[in-house]
Amino acid sequence: MINTMIAHNDIFVTRSGRHTEQHPKIYKSANRMLKAHREWLKNEGIAEATKNKDDYNLILCQSLNPNNWSQADQELTLLYVFGDVTELTKANVNTN
């Protein structure tokens, strides 16, 4: 389990050293926020697989459905993008 507070516009470093896109806006609606986070995580999985030229995981990430997301989808995508960590490393990037 990852114990990092995530805020709007946070950028993280992936296990390959790539910087993620900015984390989506934090919505008041839990369902809307979960869907936005899942879409962001799916896109990060696709970007990580593309960078690593990993066709197998690229196909897996492309097939993820943010509207039908299981705990296994969450855990495996986090593991693939960030590795086996308990804290995410925030990128030292100025987004202004």
N, C-alpha and C. Protein backbone atom coordinates (compact mmCIF):
# COMPACT_ATOMS: atom_id res chain seq x y z
N MET A 1 0.84 -1.18 0.00
CA MET A 1 0.00 0.00 0.00
C MET A 1 0.88 1.24 0.00
N ILE A 2 0.49 2.21 -0.81
CA ILE A 2 1.26 3.45 -0.91
C ILE A 2 0.67 4.47 0.05
N ASN A 3 1.53 5.08 0.86
CA ASN A 3 1.09 6.01 1.90
C ASN A 3 1.48 7.44 1.56
N THR A 4 1.19 7.89 0.36
CA THR A 4 1.54 9.24 -0.05
C THR A 4 0.28 10.04 -0.31
N MET A 5 0.20 11.23 0.27
CA MET A 5 -0.92 12.12 -0.02
C MET A 5 -0.72 12.68 -1.42
N ILE A 6 -1.75 12.59 -2.23
CA ILE A 6 -1.67 13.05 -3.61
C ILE A 6 -2.55 14.28 -3.76
N ALA A 7 -1.99 15.33 -4.34
CA ALA A 7 -2.73 16.56 -4.56
C ALA A 7 -2.83 16.86 -6.05
N HIS A 8 -3.73 17.75 -6.38
CA HIS A 8 -3.90 18.20 -7.76
C HIS A 8 -2.57 18.75 -8.27
N ASN A 9 -2.21 18.39 -9.47
CA ASN A 9 -0.98 18.84 -10.16
C ASN A 9 0.30 18.19 -9.65
N ASP A 10 0.24 17.26 -8.71
CA ASP A 10 1.45 16.56 -8.29
C ASP A 10 2.02 15.77 -9.47
N ILE A 11 3.33 15.75 -9.56
CA ILE A 11 4.05 14.97 -10.58
C ILE A 11 4.98 14.04 -9.83
N PHE A 12 5.02 12.78 -10.26
CA PHE A 12 5.82 11.78 -9.56
C PHE A 12 6.86 11.19 -10.50
N VAL A 13 7.85 10.53 -9.92
CA VAL A 13 8.88 9.83 -10.67
C VAL A 13 8.52 8.36 -10.70
N THR A 14 8.49 7.78 -11.90
CA THR A 14 8.15 6.37 -12.04
C THR A 14 9.40 5.51 -11.80
N ARG A 15 9.21 4.21 -11.81
CA ARG A 15 10.34 3.30 -11.56
C ARG A 15 11.39 3.38 -12.66
N SER A 16 10.99 3.84 -13.86
CA SER A 16 11.96 3.98 -14.95
C SER A 16 12.63 5.34 -14.96
N GLY A 17 12.21 6.23 -14.05
CA GLY A 17 12.78 7.57 -13.99
C GLY A 17 11.98 8.61 -14.77
N ARG A 18 10.92 8.18 -15.40
CA ARG A 18 10.07 9.09 -16.16
C ARG A 18 9.20 9.91 -15.21
N HIS A 19 8.91 11.16 -15.57
CA HIS A 19 7.99 11.98 -14.78
C HIS A 19 6.57 11.75 -15.27
N THR A 20 5.64 11.60 -14.35
CA THR A 20 4.24 11.41 -14.71
C THR A 20 3.64 12.72 -15.20
N GLU A 21 2.48 12.61 -15.79
CA GLU A 21 1.68 13.81 -16.06
C GLU A 21 1.15 14.30 -14.72
N GLN A 22 0.66 15.52 -14.69
CA GLN A 22 0.10 16.06 -13.45
C GLN A 22 -1.10 15.24 -13.02
N HIS A 23 -1.20 15.03 -11.71
CA HIS A 23 -2.35 14.31 -11.18
C HIS A 23 -3.59 15.15 -11.42
N PRO A 24 -4.73 14.50 -11.73
CA PRO A 24 -5.94 15.26 -12.04
C PRO A 24 -6.50 16.04 -10.85
N LYS A 25 -7.40 16.92 -11.17
CA LYS A 25 -8.08 17.75 -10.19
C LYS A 25 -8.74 16.87 -9.13
N ILE A 26 -8.74 17.35 -7.89
CA ILE A 26 -9.42 16.66 -6.80
C ILE A 26 -10.88 17.12 -6.80
N TYR A 27 -11.79 16.19 -7.03
CA TYR A 27 -13.22 16.51 -7.08
C TYR A 27 -13.88 16.23 -5.74
N LYS A 28 -14.97 16.94 -5.46
CA LYS A 28 -15.73 16.69 -4.23
C LYS A 28 -16.46 15.35 -4.30
N SER A 29 -16.89 14.97 -5.50
CA SER A 29 -17.58 13.70 -5.68
C SER A 29 -16.56 12.56 -5.67
N ALA A 30 -16.76 11.61 -4.77
CA ALA A 30 -15.82 10.49 -4.66
C ALA A 30 -15.78 9.67 -5.94
N ASN A 31 -16.94 9.42 -6.55
CA ASN A 31 -16.97 8.62 -7.78
C ASN A 31 -16.23 9.31 -8.91
N ARG A 32 -16.43 10.62 -9.04
CA ARG A 32 -15.75 11.38 -10.10
C ARG A 32 -14.24 11.39 -9.86
N MET A 33 -13.84 11.54 -8.59
CA MET A 33 -12.42 11.56 -8.26
C MET A 33 -11.77 10.21 -8.54
N LEU A 34 -12.44 9.13 -8.15
CA LEU A 34 -11.90 7.80 -8.39
C LEU A 34 -11.73 7.54 -9.88
N LYS A 35 -12.72 7.93 -10.68
CA LYS A 35 -12.63 7.71 -12.12
C LYS A 35 -11.48 8.52 -12.72
N ALA A 36 -11.32 9.77 -12.29
CA ALA A 36 -10.22 10.61 -12.80
C ALA A 36 -8.87 10.01 -12.42
N HIS A 37 -8.75 9.53 -11.18
CA HIS A 37 -7.50 8.91 -10.73
C HIS A 37 -7.21 7.63 -11.52
N ARG A 38 -8.24 6.83 -11.74
CA ARG A 38 -8.07 5.58 -12.49
C ARG A 38 -7.66 5.84 -13.93
N GLU A 39 -8.27 6.84 -14.55
CA GLU A 39 -7.88 7.20 -15.93
C GLU A 39 -6.44 7.69 -15.97
N TRP A 40 -6.05 8.50 -14.98
CA TRP A 40 -4.67 8.99 -14.90
C TRP A 40 -3.70 7.81 -14.74
N LEU A 41 -4.03 6.89 -13.83
CA LEU A 41 -3.16 5.74 -13.58
C LEU A 41 -3.08 4.83 -14.81
N LYS A 42 -4.20 4.63 -15.49
CA LYS A 42 -4.19 3.84 -16.73
C LYS A 42 -3.27 4.48 -17.76
N ASN A 43 -3.40 5.79 -17.95
CA ASN A 43 -2.56 6.50 -18.92
C ASN A 43 -1.08 6.45 -18.53
N GLU A 44 -0.79 6.49 -17.23
CA GLU A 44 0.59 6.38 -16.78
C GLU A 44 1.13 4.97 -17.04
N GLY A 45 0.29 3.95 -16.89
CA GLY A 45 0.70 2.59 -17.22
C GLY A 45 1.02 2.45 -18.70
N ILE A 46 0.18 3.05 -19.54
CA ILE A 46 0.42 3.02 -20.98
C ILE A 46 1.72 3.74 -21.32
N ALA A 47 1.94 4.92 -20.72
CA ALA A 47 3.17 5.68 -20.98
C ALA A 47 4.41 4.92 -20.50
N GLU A 48 4.31 4.26 -19.36
CA GLU A 48 5.44 3.50 -18.82
C GLU A 48 5.76 2.31 -19.73
N ALA A 49 4.73 1.60 -20.16
CA ALA A 49 4.93 0.45 -21.04
C ALA A 49 5.51 0.89 -22.39
N THR A 50 5.04 2.02 -22.90
CA THR A 50 5.56 2.55 -24.16
C THR A 50 7.03 2.91 -24.03
N LYS A 51 7.39 3.59 -22.93
CA LYS A 51 8.79 3.98 -22.70
C LYS A 51 9.68 2.75 -22.59
N ASN A 52 9.19 1.71 -21.94
CA ASN A 52 9.97 0.49 -21.73
C ASN A 52 9.89 -0.49 -22.90
N LYS A 53 9.12 -0.12 -23.94
CA LYS A 53 8.91 -1.01 -25.10
C LYS A 53 8.40 -2.38 -24.64
N ASP A 54 7.43 -2.34 -23.73
CA ASP A 54 6.88 -3.53 -23.10
C ASP A 54 5.48 -3.77 -23.68
N ASP A 55 5.42 -4.49 -24.79
CA ASP A 55 4.16 -4.71 -25.49
C ASP A 55 3.14 -5.46 -24.65
N TYR A 56 3.59 -6.40 -23.84
CA TYR A 56 2.67 -7.20 -23.02
C TYR A 56 1.90 -6.29 -22.04
N ASN A 57 2.63 -5.49 -21.27
CA ASN A 57 1.97 -4.61 -20.31
C ASN A 57 1.25 -3.45 -20.99
N LEU A 58 1.69 -3.07 -22.17
CA LEU A 58 0.98 -2.04 -22.93
C LEU A 58 -0.43 -2.52 -23.25
N ILE A 59 -0.54 -3.74 -23.73
CA ILE A 59 -1.86 -4.30 -24.05
C ILE A 59 -2.71 -4.42 -22.78
N LEU A 60 -2.11 -4.84 -21.68
CA LEU A 60 -2.85 -4.96 -20.42
C LEU A 60 -3.36 -3.59 -19.96
N CYS A 61 -2.50 -2.58 -20.01
CA CYS A 61 -2.91 -1.25 -19.56
C CYS A 61 -3.96 -0.64 -20.48
N GLN A 62 -3.83 -0.86 -21.77
CA GLN A 62 -4.81 -0.33 -22.71
C GLN A 62 -6.19 -0.95 -22.50
N SER A 63 -6.22 -2.17 -22.00
CA SER A 63 -7.50 -2.86 -21.82
C SER A 63 -8.17 -2.54 -20.49
N LEU A 64 -7.52 -1.79 -19.61
CA LEU A 64 -8.13 -1.44 -18.33
C LEU A 64 -9.33 -0.53 -18.55
N ASN A 65 -10.37 -0.74 -17.76
CA ASN A 65 -11.58 0.06 -17.86
C ASN A 65 -11.78 0.81 -16.54
N PRO A 66 -11.61 2.14 -16.54
CA PRO A 66 -11.79 2.92 -15.30
C PRO A 66 -13.19 2.80 -14.70
N ASN A 67 -14.18 2.42 -15.50
CA ASN A 67 -15.54 2.25 -14.98
C ASN A 67 -15.77 0.87 -14.36
N ASN A 68 -14.85 -0.05 -14.59
CA ASN A 68 -14.94 -1.41 -14.05
C ASN A 68 -13.55 -1.78 -13.52
N TRP A 69 -13.15 -1.13 -12.44
CA TRP A 69 -11.78 -1.18 -11.92
C TRP A 69 -11.76 -2.02 -10.66
N SER A 70 -10.94 -3.03 -10.64
CA SER A 70 -10.85 -3.89 -9.45
C SER A 70 -9.66 -3.47 -8.59
N GLN A 71 -9.61 -4.01 -7.39
CA GLN A 71 -8.47 -3.76 -6.51
C GLN A 71 -7.19 -4.30 -7.15
N ALA A 72 -7.31 -5.41 -7.87
CA ALA A 72 -6.15 -5.99 -8.56
C ALA A 72 -5.66 -5.05 -9.66
N ASP A 73 -6.57 -4.41 -10.40
CA ASP A 73 -6.17 -3.43 -11.41
C ASP A 73 -5.37 -2.32 -10.76
N GLN A 74 -5.86 -1.82 -9.64
CA GLN A 74 -5.19 -0.73 -8.91
C GLN A 74 -3.80 -1.14 -8.47
N GLU A 75 -3.71 -2.26 -7.77
CA GLU A 75 -2.43 -2.70 -7.21
C GLU A 75 -1.41 -3.03 -8.30
N LEU A 76 -1.83 -3.74 -9.33
CA LEU A 76 -0.88 -4.12 -10.38
C LEU A 76 -0.42 -2.93 -11.20
N THR A 77 -1.31 -1.97 -11.46
CA THR A 77 -0.91 -0.78 -12.21
C THR A 77 0.04 0.07 -11.38
N LEU A 78 -0.26 0.24 -10.10
CA LEU A 78 0.67 0.98 -9.22
C LEU A 78 2.03 0.29 -9.16
N LEU A 79 2.02 -1.04 -9.04
CA LEU A 79 3.27 -1.80 -8.98
C LEU A 79 4.06 -1.64 -10.27
N TYR A 80 3.38 -1.69 -11.41
CA TYR A 80 4.07 -1.58 -12.70
C TYR A 80 4.65 -0.18 -12.89
N VAL A 81 3.89 0.85 -12.55
CA VAL A 81 4.33 2.22 -12.80
C VAL A 81 5.37 2.68 -11.78
N PHE A 82 5.16 2.37 -10.50
CA PHE A 82 6.02 2.92 -9.45
C PHE A 82 6.94 1.90 -8.78
N GLY A 83 6.75 0.64 -9.04
CA GLY A 83 7.56 -0.38 -8.38
C GLY A 83 7.00 -0.70 -7.01
N ASP A 84 7.71 -1.53 -6.28
CA ASP A 84 7.27 -1.99 -4.95
C ASP A 84 7.73 -0.98 -3.90
N VAL A 85 6.96 0.09 -3.75
CA VAL A 85 7.31 1.17 -2.82
C VAL A 85 6.15 1.45 -1.88
N THR A 86 6.45 2.08 -0.76
CA THR A 86 5.39 2.52 0.15
C THR A 86 5.19 4.04 0.08
N GLU A 87 6.15 4.76 -0.48
CA GLU A 87 6.05 6.20 -0.65
C GLU A 87 6.38 6.55 -2.10
N LEU A 88 5.56 7.41 -2.70
CA LEU A 88 5.85 7.87 -4.06
C LEU A 88 6.84 9.02 -4.00
N THR A 89 7.72 9.08 -4.98
CA THR A 89 8.70 10.15 -5.06
C THR A 89 8.12 11.26 -5.93
N LYS A 90 7.93 12.43 -5.31
CA LYS A 90 7.42 13.56 -6.08
C LYS A 90 8.56 14.16 -6.89
N ALA A 91 8.25 14.50 -8.13
CA ALA A 91 9.26 15.10 -9.00
C ALA A 91 9.49 16.54 -8.57
N ASN A 92 10.71 16.97 -8.68
CA ASN A 92 11.09 18.33 -8.34
C ASN A 92 10.94 19.19 -9.59
N VAL A 93 9.69 19.48 -9.96
CA VAL A 93 9.40 20.19 -11.20
C VAL A 93 8.51 21.38 -10.89
N ASN A 94 8.82 22.53 -11.45
CA ASN A 94 7.98 23.70 -11.30
C ASN A 94 6.93 23.68 -12.38
N THR A 95 5.66 23.61 -12.03
CA THR A 95 4.58 23.50 -13.02
C THR A 95 3.94 24.85 -13.31
N ASN A 96 4.43 25.93 -12.74
CA ASN A 96 3.83 27.25 -12.99
C ASN A 96 4.28 27.82 -14.29
